[in-house]
Amino acid sequence: MEVSRIIAELDAQISKLQQARALLAGASAPVARSGPGRPKGSKNAAAAAAPRKRKLSPEGRKRIADAMKKRWAERRRQNAKG
């Protein structure tokens, strides 16, 4: 290969890389924000506004009720002694 042809190809590659870098630098430039939080109209704004309630199964509810009854009974025993 001729040196002039190699230099021309290198210049073409450098030009392409500089264009790609300019595009990437423009895309990653920070966007001016008005304040904290999600911007209005974002796709997750509706989901964040209404948090889902947790559902407790009947078995879980019974376990909690039994544990509280046991705790109250223990407390009653301690108050009766002291």
Protein backbone atom coordinates (compact mmCIF):
# COMPACT_ATOMS: atom_id res chain seq x y z
CA MET A 1 0.00 0.00 0.00
CA GLU A 2 1.08 3.51 -0.65
CA VAL A 3 1.72 5.78 2.30
CA SER A 4 -0.60 8.46 0.94
CA ARG A 5 -3.45 5.94 0.65
CA ILE A 6 -2.89 4.74 4.26
CA ILE A 7 -2.91 8.34 5.47
CA ALA A 8 -6.15 9.03 3.57
CA GLU A 9 -7.82 5.98 5.13
CA LEU A 10 -6.61 6.99 8.59
CA ASP A 11 -7.99 10.49 8.07
CA ALA A 12 -11.35 9.01 7.04
CA GLN A 13 -11.44 6.80 10.13
CA ILE A 14 -10.49 9.73 12.39
CA SER A 15 -13.26 11.80 10.84
CA LYS A 16 -15.84 9.06 11.46
CA LEU A 17 -14.65 8.61 15.04
CA GLN A 18 -14.83 12.34 15.71
CA GLN A 19 -18.40 12.45 14.41
CA ALA A 20 -19.37 9.50 16.60
CA ARG A 21 -17.74 11.15 19.61
CA ALA A 22 -19.60 14.39 18.95
CA LEU A 23 -22.91 12.50 18.78
CA LEU A 24 -22.19 10.64 22.01
CA ALA A 25 -21.02 13.77 23.80
CA GLY A 26 -24.21 15.56 22.76
CA ALA A 27 -26.39 12.69 23.97
CA SER A 28 -24.70 12.50 27.34
CA ALA A 29 -24.84 16.24 28.02
CA PRO A 30 -26.70 16.92 31.28
CA VAL A 31 -30.31 18.00 30.87
CA ALA A 32 -31.41 21.09 32.79
CA ARG A 33 -33.81 20.04 35.57
CA SER A 34 -36.28 22.21 37.36
CA GLY A 35 -36.32 20.31 40.64
CA PRO A 36 -36.19 16.96 42.40
CA GLY A 37 -38.45 14.09 41.51
CA ARG A 38 -39.83 12.58 38.35
CA PRO A 39 -40.71 14.88 35.49
CA LYS A 40 -44.39 15.28 34.75
CA GLY A 41 -45.64 12.86 32.15
CA SER A 42 -43.01 10.22 32.73
CA LYS A 43 -44.16 6.67 32.15
CA ASN A 44 -43.68 5.68 35.81
CA ALA A 45 -45.36 8.74 37.32
CA ALA A 46 -48.75 7.03 37.64
CA ALA A 47 -47.26 3.97 39.31
CA ALA A 48 -45.39 6.08 41.85
CA ALA A 49 -48.50 8.09 42.76
CA ALA A 50 -50.54 5.13 43.99
CA PRO A 51 -48.47 2.66 46.02
CA ARG A 52 -49.87 -0.84 46.14
CA LYS A 53 -51.25 -2.17 49.39
CA ARG A 54 -49.75 -5.33 50.74
CA LYS A 55 -52.18 -8.19 51.15
CA LEU A 56 -51.93 -10.46 54.15
CA SER A 57 -53.00 -14.06 53.74
CA PRO A 58 -55.47 -15.52 56.22
CA GLU A 59 -52.71 -17.79 57.56
CA GLY A 60 -50.43 -14.82 58.13
CA ARG A 61 -53.22 -12.88 59.82
CA LYS A 62 -53.87 -15.85 62.14
CA ARG A 63 -50.16 -16.14 63.03
CA ILE A 64 -50.05 -12.46 63.96
CA ALA A 65 -53.27 -12.72 65.99
CA ASP A 66 -51.97 -15.76 67.87
CA ALA A 67 -48.64 -14.04 68.57
CA MET A 68 -50.42 -10.94 69.91
CA LYS A 69 -52.71 -13.03 72.12
CA LYS A 70 -49.66 -14.81 73.51
CA ARG A 71 -47.98 -11.45 74.15
CA TRP A 72 -51.03 -10.01 75.89
CA ALA A 73 -51.40 -13.13 78.04
CA GLU A 74 -47.73 -12.85 79.08
CA ARG A 75 -48.23 -9.19 79.92
CA ARG A 76 -51.32 -9.95 82.00
CA ARG A 77 -49.31 -12.57 83.92
CA GLN A 78 -46.53 -10.07 84.61
CA ASN A 79 -49.02 -7.41 85.81
CA ALA A 80 -50.77 -9.90 88.09
CA LYS A 81 -47.47 -10.82 89.77
CA GLY A 82 -46.08 -7.34 90.16
